[in-house]
Amino acid sequence: MINKILDIIGGKSKPSESEQRALEEELEKLLTPQQPDLRIMGLFSDVSDDKIAELVHAMIYMDEMNAMRKQNQPIEFYISTYGGSADDMFAMYDVMRVIRERTEIHTIGLGKVMSAGVLLLASGTKGKRCIGKNCRVMVHSVIGGSSGPLHNLMNEMEAIEQIQKMYSDALVAETNMTKKDMKKLLERKVNVYLTAEEAVELGIADIII
């Protein structure tokens, strides 16, 4: 095909109509820069509705591209966060649970992975969850604050306790920790900091990089 193009450019031959179309298609391929198939996403901010909406959209798109192309190219999800909204964390977690059934999600924790970020790191495909050697991991009880009439405060407390249970159950499901381990961890009522080695031992991650 390249020789044919050169012959036409040099005036040695005249293309037929079908050859002209084929040449135009070939030239378009040659002149169009190839875009890399990027399958990388990152959370380098608080876990918030705007950021999670962006990440959910990106993850669903990459999963659908896999389905369309009948391939299984993994998604690389880099995480470095102080945490944030529990509701948005669960939104991301539920999407990851569904997508990893068809597309591998490789999570990579860097710098700091705290609070809501811990569950997201742990929710990658088992065996494909990495953590930086110097990454700090922090787990703590759910934080809530409210004011108003007593019955409102009691209602809010019940809601917080429910969120705490959901968070604990999810971490137990995704790690090596038992419910007893989680209870012991959270009963300390302080921010519990873990090294990368400790995070791997507890099953929050698999590989130290």
N, C-alpha and C. Protein backbone atom coordinates (compact mmCIF):
# COMPACT_ATOMS: atom_id res chain seq x y z
N MET A 1 0.83 -1.20 0.00
CA MET A 1 0.00 0.00 0.00
C MET A 1 0.87 1.26 0.00
N ILE A 2 1.96 1.24 0.78
CA ILE A 2 2.85 2.40 0.84
C ILE A 2 3.47 2.67 -0.52
N ASN A 3 3.89 1.58 -1.22
CA ASN A 3 4.48 1.75 -2.56
C ASN A 3 3.47 2.34 -3.52
N LYS A 4 2.21 1.92 -3.41
CA LYS A 4 1.16 2.44 -4.27
C LYS A 4 0.98 3.94 -4.04
N ILE A 5 1.00 4.35 -2.77
CA ILE A 5 0.88 5.77 -2.44
C ILE A 5 2.03 6.57 -3.06
N LEU A 6 3.24 6.00 -2.95
CA LEU A 6 4.41 6.69 -3.49
C LEU A 6 4.35 6.81 -5.00
N ASP A 7 3.84 5.76 -5.67
CA ASP A 7 3.71 5.79 -7.13
C ASP A 7 2.74 6.88 -7.57
N ILE A 8 1.63 7.01 -6.81
CA ILE A 8 0.63 8.02 -7.17
C ILE A 8 1.17 9.42 -6.94
N ILE A 9 1.86 9.59 -5.79
CA ILE A 9 2.45 10.90 -5.50
C ILE A 9 3.47 11.27 -6.57
N GLY A 10 4.23 10.25 -7.03
CA GLY A 10 5.25 10.50 -8.04
C GLY A 10 4.70 10.60 -9.45
N GLY A 11 3.39 10.40 -9.62
CA GLY A 11 2.77 10.55 -10.92
C GLY A 11 2.92 9.34 -11.82
N LYS A 12 3.33 8.19 -11.26
CA LYS A 12 3.54 7.01 -12.07
C LYS A 12 2.24 6.29 -12.41
N SER A 13 1.20 6.48 -11.60
CA SER A 13 -0.07 5.81 -11.87
C SER A 13 -1.23 6.64 -11.35
N LYS A 14 -2.43 6.33 -11.84
CA LYS A 14 -3.63 7.03 -11.43
C LYS A 14 -4.55 6.03 -10.73
N PRO A 15 -5.02 6.34 -9.51
CA PRO A 15 -5.82 5.37 -8.78
C PRO A 15 -7.24 5.26 -9.29
N SER A 16 -7.82 4.07 -9.16
CA SER A 16 -9.25 3.90 -9.45
C SER A 16 -10.04 4.50 -8.29
N GLU A 17 -11.38 4.51 -8.45
CA GLU A 17 -12.22 5.09 -7.39
C GLU A 17 -12.10 4.32 -6.09
N SER A 18 -12.10 2.98 -6.18
CA SER A 18 -11.99 2.16 -4.97
C SER A 18 -10.60 2.32 -4.34
N GLU A 19 -9.57 2.40 -5.18
CA GLU A 19 -8.21 2.60 -4.68
C GLU A 19 -8.08 3.96 -4.00
N GLN A 20 -8.78 4.95 -4.58
CA GLN A 20 -8.74 6.30 -4.00
C GLN A 20 -9.29 6.29 -2.58
N ARG A 21 -10.42 5.59 -2.40
CA ARG A 21 -11.02 5.51 -1.07
C ARG A 21 -10.09 4.78 -0.10
N ALA A 22 -9.51 3.67 -0.56
CA ALA A 22 -8.60 2.91 0.29
C ALA A 22 -7.37 3.73 0.66
N LEU A 23 -6.86 4.52 -0.31
CA LEU A 23 -5.70 5.36 -0.05
C LEU A 23 -6.02 6.45 0.97
N GLU A 24 -7.22 7.03 0.85
CA GLU A 24 -7.62 8.07 1.80
C GLU A 24 -7.71 7.51 3.21
N GLU A 25 -8.25 6.30 3.32
CA GLU A 25 -8.35 5.66 4.64
C GLU A 25 -6.97 5.37 5.21
N GLU A 26 -6.06 4.89 4.35
CA GLU A 26 -4.71 4.56 4.79
C GLU A 26 -3.95 5.81 5.21
N LEU A 27 -4.13 6.89 4.42
CA LEU A 27 -3.46 8.14 4.77
C LEU A 27 -3.98 8.71 6.08
N GLU A 28 -5.29 8.56 6.30
CA GLU A 28 -5.87 9.05 7.55
C GLU A 28 -5.28 8.32 8.75
N LYS A 29 -5.08 7.00 8.60
CA LYS A 29 -4.48 6.22 9.67
C LYS A 29 -3.04 6.67 9.93
N LEU A 30 -2.31 6.92 8.84
CA LEU A 30 -0.91 7.30 8.96
C LEU A 30 -0.74 8.69 9.60
N LEU A 31 -1.67 9.58 9.31
CA LEU A 31 -1.54 10.97 9.76
C LEU A 31 -2.20 11.24 11.11
N THR A 32 -3.07 10.33 11.54
CA THR A 32 -3.75 10.52 12.83
C THR A 32 -2.88 9.97 13.94
N PRO A 33 -2.51 10.81 14.91
CA PRO A 33 -1.69 10.30 16.02
C PRO A 33 -2.44 9.27 16.84
N GLN A 34 -1.74 8.22 17.22
CA GLN A 34 -2.36 7.16 18.00
C GLN A 34 -2.51 7.59 19.45
N GLN A 35 -3.74 7.53 19.96
CA GLN A 35 -4.00 7.88 21.34
C GLN A 35 -3.83 6.64 22.23
N PRO A 36 -3.08 6.75 23.29
CA PRO A 36 -2.91 5.59 24.18
C PRO A 36 -4.23 5.22 24.85
N ASP A 37 -4.41 3.94 25.07
CA ASP A 37 -5.62 3.46 25.74
C ASP A 37 -5.40 3.56 27.25
N LEU A 38 -5.59 4.78 27.77
CA LEU A 38 -5.32 5.02 29.18
C LEU A 38 -6.39 4.37 30.03
N ARG A 39 -5.95 3.59 30.99
CA ARG A 39 -6.87 2.91 31.90
C ARG A 39 -6.44 3.18 33.33
N ILE A 40 -6.10 4.45 33.57
CA ILE A 40 -5.60 4.88 34.87
C ILE A 40 -6.52 5.95 35.44
N MET A 41 -6.85 5.83 36.72
CA MET A 41 -7.64 6.84 37.40
C MET A 41 -7.06 7.05 38.80
N GLY A 42 -7.35 8.19 39.39
CA GLY A 42 -6.75 8.46 40.69
C GLY A 42 -7.62 9.29 41.61
N LEU A 43 -7.51 9.00 42.89
CA LEU A 43 -8.17 9.79 43.93
C LEU A 43 -7.07 10.43 44.76
N PHE A 44 -6.82 11.71 44.50
CA PHE A 44 -5.79 12.46 45.23
C PHE A 44 -6.43 13.66 45.91
N SER A 45 -7.57 13.42 46.51
CA SER A 45 -8.32 14.47 47.19
C SER A 45 -9.25 13.80 48.20
N ASP A 46 -10.09 14.60 48.84
CA ASP A 46 -11.07 14.03 49.77
C ASP A 46 -12.10 13.21 49.01
N VAL A 47 -12.71 12.26 49.69
CA VAL A 47 -13.80 11.47 49.12
C VAL A 47 -15.06 12.34 49.20
N SER A 48 -15.46 12.90 48.06
CA SER A 48 -16.60 13.81 48.00
C SER A 48 -17.48 13.46 46.82
N ASP A 49 -18.69 14.02 46.77
CA ASP A 49 -19.63 13.63 45.73
C ASP A 49 -19.14 13.96 44.33
N ASP A 50 -18.54 15.14 44.14
CA ASP A 50 -18.07 15.53 42.81
C ASP A 50 -16.96 14.59 42.32
N LYS A 51 -16.00 14.31 43.19
CA LYS A 51 -14.87 13.47 42.79
C LYS A 51 -15.32 12.03 42.56
N ILE A 52 -16.17 11.51 43.43
CA ILE A 52 -16.63 10.14 43.27
C ILE A 52 -17.49 10.00 42.02
N ALA A 53 -18.28 11.00 41.70
CA ALA A 53 -19.07 10.96 40.46
C ALA A 53 -18.15 10.84 39.25
N GLU A 54 -17.06 11.58 39.26
CA GLU A 54 -16.07 11.52 38.17
C GLU A 54 -15.43 10.14 38.08
N LEU A 55 -15.04 9.59 39.23
CA LEU A 55 -14.39 8.28 39.25
C LEU A 55 -15.33 7.16 38.84
N VAL A 56 -16.57 7.22 39.30
CA VAL A 56 -17.56 6.20 38.94
C VAL A 56 -17.79 6.21 37.43
N HIS A 57 -17.92 7.39 36.86
CA HIS A 57 -18.13 7.51 35.41
C HIS A 57 -16.94 6.91 34.66
N ALA A 58 -15.72 7.23 35.10
CA ALA A 58 -14.52 6.73 34.42
C ALA A 58 -14.42 5.21 34.52
N MET A 59 -14.72 4.66 35.69
CA MET A 59 -14.61 3.22 35.89
C MET A 59 -15.64 2.45 35.06
N ILE A 60 -16.86 2.97 35.02
CA ILE A 60 -17.90 2.33 34.21
C ILE A 60 -17.54 2.38 32.74
N TYR A 61 -17.00 3.52 32.29
CA TYR A 61 -16.60 3.66 30.88
C TYR A 61 -15.52 2.65 30.52
N MET A 62 -14.49 2.51 31.38
CA MET A 62 -13.40 1.58 31.08
C MET A 62 -13.88 0.13 31.09
N ASP A 63 -14.81 -0.17 31.98
CA ASP A 63 -15.39 -1.52 32.02
C ASP A 63 -16.19 -1.80 30.75
N GLU A 64 -16.96 -0.82 30.29
CA GLU A 64 -17.76 -1.00 29.08
C GLU A 64 -16.86 -1.14 27.85
N MET A 65 -15.74 -0.42 27.82
CA MET A 65 -14.80 -0.56 26.71
C MET A 65 -14.24 -1.98 26.67
N ASN A 66 -13.97 -2.55 27.82
CA ASN A 66 -13.53 -3.95 27.88
C ASN A 66 -14.58 -4.87 27.28
N ALA A 67 -15.84 -4.64 27.65
CA ALA A 67 -16.92 -5.49 27.16
C ALA A 67 -17.08 -5.36 25.65
N MET A 68 -17.00 -4.14 25.14
CA MET A 68 -17.16 -3.91 23.70
C MET A 68 -16.03 -4.57 22.90
N ARG A 69 -14.82 -4.51 23.45
CA ARG A 69 -13.66 -5.06 22.74
C ARG A 69 -13.41 -6.52 23.08
N LYS A 70 -14.24 -7.06 23.97
CA LYS A 70 -14.11 -8.46 24.40
C LYS A 70 -12.70 -8.74 24.92
N GLN A 71 -12.28 -7.87 25.83
CA GLN A 71 -10.95 -8.03 26.43
C GLN A 71 -11.06 -7.77 27.93
N ASN A 72 -9.96 -8.00 28.64
CA ASN A 72 -9.97 -7.77 30.08
C ASN A 72 -8.73 -6.99 30.47
N GLN A 73 -8.66 -5.74 30.01
CA GLN A 73 -7.55 -4.87 30.40
C GLN A 73 -7.86 -4.29 31.78
N PRO A 74 -6.95 -4.43 32.74
CA PRO A 74 -7.23 -3.98 34.11
C PRO A 74 -7.33 -2.46 34.22
N ILE A 75 -8.03 -2.02 35.25
CA ILE A 75 -8.11 -0.60 35.61
C ILE A 75 -7.12 -0.37 36.75
N GLU A 76 -6.29 0.66 36.62
CA GLU A 76 -5.35 1.02 37.68
C GLU A 76 -5.93 2.20 38.45
N PHE A 77 -6.15 2.00 39.74
CA PHE A 77 -6.79 3.01 40.58
C PHE A 77 -5.82 3.44 41.68
N TYR A 78 -5.24 4.64 41.51
CA TYR A 78 -4.29 5.18 42.48
C TYR A 78 -5.04 5.96 43.56
N ILE A 79 -4.67 5.75 44.82
CA ILE A 79 -5.39 6.34 45.94
C ILE A 79 -4.42 7.02 46.90
N SER A 80 -4.69 8.28 47.22
CA SER A 80 -3.95 9.02 48.25
C SER A 80 -4.93 10.03 48.83
N THR A 81 -5.51 9.72 49.97
CA THR A 81 -6.59 10.56 50.50
C THR A 81 -6.62 10.52 52.02
N TYR A 82 -7.11 11.62 52.59
CA TYR A 82 -7.34 11.66 54.04
C TYR A 82 -8.71 11.10 54.39
N GLY A 83 -9.54 10.78 53.38
CA GLY A 83 -10.87 10.24 53.62
C GLY A 83 -11.95 11.22 53.22
N GLY A 84 -13.12 11.07 53.82
CA GLY A 84 -14.21 11.97 53.47
C GLY A 84 -15.57 11.35 53.75
N SER A 85 -16.49 11.59 52.84
CA SER A 85 -17.88 11.19 53.02
C SER A 85 -18.07 9.67 53.00
N ALA A 86 -18.74 9.14 54.02
CA ALA A 86 -19.03 7.70 54.06
C ALA A 86 -20.00 7.31 52.95
N ASP A 87 -21.00 8.15 52.69
CA ASP A 87 -21.98 7.84 51.65
C ASP A 87 -21.32 7.73 50.28
N ASP A 88 -20.42 8.66 49.98
CA ASP A 88 -19.73 8.62 48.68
C ASP A 88 -18.75 7.45 48.61
N MET A 89 -18.14 7.12 49.75
CA MET A 89 -17.28 5.94 49.82
C MET A 89 -18.06 4.68 49.45
N PHE A 90 -19.25 4.53 50.02
CA PHE A 90 -20.06 3.34 49.73
C PHE A 90 -20.53 3.33 48.28
N ALA A 91 -20.78 4.50 47.70
CA ALA A 91 -21.18 4.57 46.29
C ALA A 91 -20.06 4.00 45.41
N MET A 92 -18.82 4.43 45.69
CA MET A 92 -17.67 3.94 44.93
C MET A 92 -17.44 2.45 45.19
N TYR A 93 -17.57 2.04 46.43
CA TYR A 93 -17.37 0.65 46.81
C TYR A 93 -18.34 -0.29 46.09
N ASP A 94 -19.61 0.10 46.04
CA ASP A 94 -20.60 -0.76 45.38
C ASP A 94 -20.34 -0.88 43.87
N VAL A 95 -19.88 0.21 43.26
CA VAL A 95 -19.53 0.16 41.83
C VAL A 95 -18.33 -0.76 41.62
N MET A 96 -17.33 -0.65 42.48
CA MET A 96 -16.14 -1.48 42.36
C MET A 96 -16.47 -2.96 42.53
N ARG A 97 -17.37 -3.27 43.47
CA ARG A 97 -17.76 -4.66 43.70
C ARG A 97 -18.36 -5.29 42.45
N VAL A 98 -19.16 -4.51 41.73
CA VAL A 98 -19.80 -5.03 40.52
C VAL A 98 -18.80 -5.15 39.38
N ILE A 99 -18.00 -4.09 39.17
CA ILE A 99 -17.10 -4.05 38.02
C ILE A 99 -15.97 -5.08 38.13
N ARG A 100 -15.46 -5.33 39.32
CA ARG A 100 -14.33 -6.26 39.45
C ARG A 100 -14.72 -7.70 39.12
N GLU A 101 -16.02 -7.98 39.01
CA GLU A 101 -16.46 -9.31 38.58
C GLU A 101 -16.12 -9.55 37.11
N ARG A 102 -15.98 -8.46 36.33
CA ARG A 102 -15.69 -8.59 34.91
C ARG A 102 -14.34 -7.97 34.53
N THR A 103 -13.94 -6.93 35.24
CA THR A 103 -12.70 -6.23 34.93
C THR A 103 -11.85 -6.12 36.20
N GLU A 104 -10.59 -6.53 36.12
CA GLU A 104 -9.71 -6.42 37.28
C GLU A 104 -9.48 -4.96 37.64
N ILE A 105 -9.50 -4.67 38.94
CA ILE A 105 -9.20 -3.33 39.44
C ILE A 105 -7.94 -3.42 40.30
N HIS A 106 -6.86 -2.83 39.82
CA HIS A 106 -5.61 -2.83 40.56
C HIS A 106 -5.54 -1.54 41.38
N THR A 107 -5.64 -1.65 42.70
CA THR A 107 -5.57 -0.46 43.55
C THR A 107 -4.14 -0.25 44.02
N ILE A 108 -3.73 1.03 44.07
CA ILE A 108 -2.37 1.37 44.49
C ILE A 108 -2.47 2.50 45.51
N GLY A 109 -2.11 2.24 46.76
CA GLY A 109 -2.14 3.24 47.81
C GLY A 109 -0.79 3.94 47.92
N LEU A 110 -0.82 5.27 47.89
CA LEU A 110 0.42 6.06 47.93
C LEU A 110 0.29 7.18 48.95
N GLY A 111 1.38 7.48 49.66
CA GLY A 111 1.38 8.64 50.55
C GLY A 111 0.57 8.43 51.81
N LYS A 112 -0.75 8.56 51.66
CA LYS A 112 -1.64 8.35 52.80
C LYS A 112 -2.95 7.77 52.29
N VAL A 113 -3.42 6.75 52.98
CA VAL A 113 -4.72 6.14 52.69
C VAL A 113 -5.44 6.05 54.02
N MET A 114 -6.41 6.92 54.23
CA MET A 114 -7.02 7.03 55.54
C MET A 114 -8.54 6.98 55.48
N SER A 115 -9.14 6.55 56.58
CA SER A 115 -10.58 6.58 56.75
C SER A 115 -11.31 5.93 55.57
N ALA A 116 -12.11 6.69 54.83
CA ALA A 116 -12.87 6.14 53.71
C ALA A 116 -11.97 5.53 52.64
N GLY A 117 -10.75 6.05 52.51
CA GLY A 117 -9.84 5.53 51.48
C GLY A 117 -9.39 4.11 51.73
N VAL A 118 -9.40 3.68 53.00
CA VAL A 118 -8.94 2.33 53.35
C VAL A 118 -9.83 1.28 52.68
N LEU A 119 -11.14 1.47 52.75
CA LEU A 119 -12.05 0.51 52.13
C LEU A 119 -11.87 0.48 50.62
N LEU A 120 -11.63 1.63 50.00
CA LEU A 120 -11.44 1.67 48.55
C LEU A 120 -10.17 0.93 48.14
N LEU A 121 -9.09 1.10 48.91
CA LEU A 121 -7.86 0.37 48.63
C LEU A 121 -8.09 -1.13 48.75
N ALA A 122 -8.79 -1.54 49.80
CA ALA A 122 -9.02 -2.96 50.06
C ALA A 122 -9.98 -3.59 49.05
N SER A 123 -10.72 -2.76 48.31
CA SER A 123 -11.76 -3.27 47.41
C SER A 123 -11.26 -3.60 46.01
N GLY A 124 -9.96 -3.49 45.79
CA GLY A 124 -9.41 -3.90 44.51
C GLY A 124 -9.45 -5.41 44.35
N THR A 125 -9.09 -5.89 43.18
CA THR A 125 -9.03 -7.33 42.92
C THR A 125 -8.00 -7.98 43.84
N LYS A 126 -8.39 -9.03 44.51
CA LYS A 126 -7.48 -9.71 45.46
C LYS A 126 -6.20 -10.14 44.74
N GLY A 127 -5.07 -9.87 45.39
CA GLY A 127 -3.78 -10.18 44.80
C GLY A 127 -3.22 -9.05 43.96
N LYS A 128 -4.04 -8.02 43.68
CA LYS A 128 -3.64 -6.91 42.82
C LYS A 128 -3.71 -5.58 43.56
N ARG A 129 -3.70 -5.62 44.88
CA ARG A 129 -3.80 -4.40 45.68
C ARG A 129 -2.41 -4.05 46.20
N CYS A 130 -1.88 -2.94 45.73
CA CYS A 130 -0.51 -2.55 46.07
C CYS A 130 -0.52 -1.35 47.03
N ILE A 131 0.57 -1.21 47.76
CA ILE A 131 0.72 -0.08 48.67
C ILE A 131 2.17 0.36 48.69
N GLY A 132 2.38 1.67 48.68
CA GLY A 132 3.74 2.19 48.73
C GLY A 132 4.40 1.87 50.06
N LYS A 133 5.69 1.63 50.03
CA LYS A 133 6.43 1.25 51.24
C LYS A 133 6.28 2.30 52.34
N ASN A 134 6.17 3.57 51.95
CA ASN A 134 6.08 4.66 52.92
C ASN A 134 4.67 5.22 53.07
N CYS A 135 3.70 4.48 52.59
CA CYS A 135 2.31 4.92 52.69
C CYS A 135 1.81 4.74 54.13
N ARG A 136 1.07 5.74 54.63
CA ARG A 136 0.47 5.65 55.96
C ARG A 136 -1.01 5.29 55.81
N VAL A 137 -1.44 4.31 56.57
CA VAL A 137 -2.83 3.88 56.56
C VAL A 137 -3.44 4.21 57.92
N MET A 138 -4.67 4.75 57.89
CA MET A 138 -5.31 5.09 59.16
C MET A 138 -6.78 4.66 59.15
N VAL A 139 -7.17 3.97 60.21
CA VAL A 139 -8.55 3.52 60.39
C VAL A 139 -9.09 4.13 61.67
N HIS A 140 -10.34 4.57 61.63
CA HIS A 140 -10.96 5.10 62.85
C HIS A 140 -12.47 4.90 62.80
N SER A 141 -13.13 5.18 63.90
CA SER A 141 -14.58 5.09 63.95
C SER A 141 -15.20 6.18 63.10
N VAL A 142 -16.43 5.96 62.68
CA VAL A 142 -17.14 6.96 61.89
C VAL A 142 -17.32 8.23 62.72
N ILE A 143 -17.07 9.38 62.10
CA ILE A 143 -17.20 10.67 62.79
C ILE A 143 -18.52 11.32 62.40
N GLY A 144 -19.25 11.78 63.38
CA GLY A 144 -20.51 12.47 63.10
C GLY A 144 -20.69 13.63 64.06
N GLY A 145 -21.49 14.59 63.66
CA GLY A 145 -21.75 15.73 64.53
C GLY A 145 -23.12 16.30 64.24
N SER A 146 -23.85 16.64 65.28
CA SER A 146 -25.19 17.17 65.09
C SER A 146 -25.61 17.94 66.33
N SER A 147 -26.62 18.75 66.15
CA SER A 147 -27.17 19.49 67.28
C SER A 147 -28.67 19.63 67.08
N GLY A 148 -29.37 19.90 68.17
CA GLY A 148 -30.81 20.04 68.08
C GLY A 148 -31.52 19.31 69.18
N PRO A 149 -32.82 19.09 69.01
CA PRO A 149 -33.60 18.39 70.03
C PRO A 149 -33.07 16.98 70.29
N LEU A 150 -33.34 16.48 71.50
CA LEU A 150 -32.82 15.18 71.92
C LEU A 150 -33.22 14.06 70.98
N HIS A 151 -34.51 14.05 70.53
CA HIS A 151 -34.93 12.95 69.67
C HIS A 151 -34.19 12.97 68.33
N ASN A 152 -33.82 14.17 67.85
CA ASN A 152 -33.03 14.26 66.62
C ASN A 152 -31.62 13.70 66.84
N LEU A 153 -31.05 14.02 67.99
CA LEU A 153 -29.71 13.53 68.29
C LEU A 153 -29.70 12.01 68.41
N MET A 154 -30.73 11.46 69.02
CA MET A 154 -30.82 10.00 69.15
C MET A 154 -30.95 9.34 67.79
N ASN A 155 -31.73 9.98 66.93
CA ASN A 155 -31.91 9.45 65.57
C ASN A 155 -30.59 9.47 64.80
N GLU A 156 -29.85 10.58 64.94
CA GLU A 156 -28.56 10.70 64.27
C GLU A 156 -27.57 9.67 64.80
N MET A 157 -27.61 9.41 66.09
CA MET A 157 -26.71 8.43 66.68
C MET A 157 -26.98 7.03 66.12
N GLU A 158 -28.24 6.70 65.95
CA GLU A 158 -28.60 5.41 65.37
C GLU A 158 -28.08 5.29 63.94
N ALA A 159 -28.18 6.39 63.19
CA ALA A 159 -27.70 6.39 61.80
C ALA A 159 -26.19 6.21 61.76
N ILE A 160 -25.48 6.88 62.66
CA ILE A 160 -24.02 6.76 62.71
C ILE A 160 -23.61 5.34 63.07
N GLU A 161 -24.32 4.75 64.02
CA GLU A 161 -24.02 3.37 64.41
C GLU A 161 -24.24 2.41 63.24
N GLN A 162 -25.26 2.68 62.44
CA GLN A 162 -25.53 1.84 61.27
C GLN A 162 -24.42 1.97 60.23
N ILE A 163 -23.97 3.21 60.00
CA ILE A 163 -22.86 3.44 59.06
C ILE A 163 -21.60 2.74 59.55
N GLN A 164 -21.36 2.83 60.87
CA GLN A 164 -20.18 2.18 61.45
C GLN A 164 -20.22 0.67 61.22
N LYS A 165 -21.39 0.08 61.40
CA LYS A 165 -21.55 -1.37 61.18
C LYS A 165 -21.32 -1.73 59.71
N MET A 166 -21.87 -0.92 58.80
CA MET A 166 -21.68 -1.17 57.37
C MET A 166 -20.20 -1.09 56.99
N TYR A 167 -19.51 -0.10 57.53
CA TYR A 167 -18.08 0.08 57.26
C TYR A 167 -17.27 -1.10 57.79
N SER A 168 -17.56 -1.51 59.02
CA SER A 168 -16.86 -2.63 59.63
C SER A 168 -17.11 -3.93 58.85
N ASP A 169 -18.36 -4.17 58.50
CA ASP A 169 -18.71 -5.39 57.76
C ASP A 169 -18.02 -5.42 56.40
N ALA A 170 -17.94 -4.26 55.74
CA ALA A 170 -17.30 -4.19 54.42
C ALA A 170 -15.81 -4.48 54.54
N LEU A 171 -15.15 -3.90 55.54
CA LEU A 171 -13.72 -4.14 55.73
C LEU A 171 -13.44 -5.60 56.08
N VAL A 172 -14.30 -6.19 56.88
CA VAL A 172 -14.15 -7.61 57.21
C VAL A 172 -14.26 -8.46 55.95
N ALA A 173 -15.20 -8.10 55.07
CA ALA A 173 -15.41 -8.85 53.83
C ALA A 173 -14.23 -8.73 52.87
N GLU A 174 -13.53 -7.59 52.90
CA GLU A 174 -12.47 -7.34 51.92
C GLU A 174 -11.06 -7.62 52.44
N THR A 175 -10.91 -7.91 53.73
CA THR A 175 -9.58 -8.08 54.32
C THR A 175 -9.48 -9.42 55.06
N ASN A 176 -8.37 -9.57 55.79
CA ASN A 176 -8.18 -10.77 56.61
C ASN A 176 -8.75 -10.60 58.01
N MET A 177 -9.28 -9.42 58.31
CA MET A 177 -9.76 -9.14 59.65
C MET A 177 -11.10 -9.82 59.93
N THR A 178 -11.27 -10.23 61.17
CA THR A 178 -12.54 -10.77 61.62
C THR A 178 -13.35 -9.64 62.26
N LYS A 179 -14.61 -9.92 62.57
CA LYS A 179 -15.43 -8.92 63.25
C LYS A 179 -14.83 -8.57 64.61
N LYS A 180 -14.25 -9.57 65.26
CA LYS A 180 -13.61 -9.34 66.55
C LYS A 180 -12.42 -8.41 66.41
N ASP A 181 -11.63 -8.61 65.33
CA ASP A 181 -10.47 -7.75 65.07
C ASP A 181 -10.91 -6.30 64.85
N MET A 182 -11.96 -6.13 64.04
CA MET A 182 -12.46 -4.79 63.74
C MET A 182 -12.97 -4.11 65.01
N LYS A 183 -13.70 -4.85 65.82
CA LYS A 183 -14.25 -4.29 67.06
C LYS A 183 -13.12 -3.83 67.98
N LYS A 184 -12.10 -4.66 68.09
CA LYS A 184 -10.95 -4.33 68.94
C LYS A 184 -10.23 -3.09 68.43
N LEU A 185 -10.13 -2.98 67.10
CA LEU A 185 -9.45 -1.85 66.48
C LEU A 185 -10.21 -0.55 66.74
N LEU A 186 -11.52 -0.59 66.54
CA LEU A 186 -12.33 0.62 66.65
C LEU A 186 -12.62 1.00 68.09
N GLU A 187 -12.58 0.04 68.99
CA GLU A 187 -12.85 0.33 70.40
C GLU A 187 -11.74 1.17 71.04
N ARG A 188 -10.63 1.30 70.35
CA ARG A 188 -9.55 2.14 70.87
C ARG A 188 -9.93 3.62 70.84
N LYS A 189 -10.93 3.96 70.02
CA LYS A 189 -11.51 5.31 69.95
C LYS A 189 -10.47 6.38 69.63
N VAL A 190 -9.48 6.00 68.88
CA VAL A 190 -8.47 6.95 68.40
C VAL A 190 -8.18 6.62 66.94
N ASN A 191 -7.46 7.50 66.28
CA ASN A 191 -7.00 7.20 64.93
C ASN A 191 -5.93 6.11 65.02
N VAL A 192 -6.16 4.98 64.37
CA VAL A 192 -5.23 3.86 64.41
C VAL A 192 -4.37 3.89 63.14
N TYR A 193 -3.08 4.16 63.31
CA TYR A 193 -2.18 4.25 62.16
C TYR A 193 -1.47 2.92 61.93
N LEU A 194 -1.38 2.55 60.65
CA LEU A 194 -0.75 1.29 60.26
C LEU A 194 0.36 1.55 59.26
N THR A 195 1.42 0.77 59.35
CA THR A 195 2.46 0.82 58.33
C THR A 195 2.02 0.01 57.12
N ALA A 196 2.77 0.10 56.05
CA ALA A 196 2.45 -0.68 54.85
C ALA A 196 2.50 -2.17 55.18
N GLU A 197 3.49 -2.56 55.97
CA GLU A 197 3.63 -3.98 56.36
C GLU A 197 2.41 -4.45 57.15
N GLU A 198 1.94 -3.62 58.08
CA GLU A 198 0.77 -3.98 58.88
C GLU A 198 -0.49 -4.04 58.02
N ALA A 199 -0.59 -3.13 57.04
CA ALA A 199 -1.74 -3.13 56.14
C ALA A 199 -1.80 -4.42 55.33
N VAL A 200 -0.64 -4.90 54.89
CA VAL A 200 -0.58 -6.17 54.15
C VAL A 200 -0.94 -7.33 55.07
N GLU A 201 -0.44 -7.30 56.28
CA GLU A 201 -0.72 -8.37 57.24
C GLU A 201 -2.23 -8.48 57.53
N LEU A 202 -2.90 -7.34 57.57
CA LEU A 202 -4.34 -7.33 57.84
C LEU A 202 -5.18 -7.58 56.59
N GLY A 203 -4.52 -7.64 55.43
CA GLY A 203 -5.25 -7.93 54.19
C GLY A 203 -5.88 -6.72 53.55
N ILE A 204 -5.45 -5.52 53.94
CA ILE A 204 -5.94 -4.30 53.29
C ILE A 204 -5.29 -4.15 51.93
N ALA A 205 -4.06 -4.62 51.81
CA ALA A 205 -3.32 -4.63 50.55
C ALA A 205 -2.60 -5.97 50.44
N ASP A 206 -2.00 -6.22 49.27
CA ASP A 206 -1.33 -7.49 49.03
C ASP A 206 0.17 -7.36 48.80
N ILE A 207 0.57 -6.26 48.16
CA ILE A 207 1.96 -6.11 47.71
C ILE A 207 2.50 -4.75 48.12
N ILE A 208 3.70 -4.72 48.67
CA ILE A 208 4.38 -3.46 48.98
C ILE A 208 5.28 -3.09 47.80
N ILE A 209 5.14 -1.85 47.33
CA ILE A 209 5.96 -1.42 46.18
C ILE A 209 6.95 -0.33 46.62
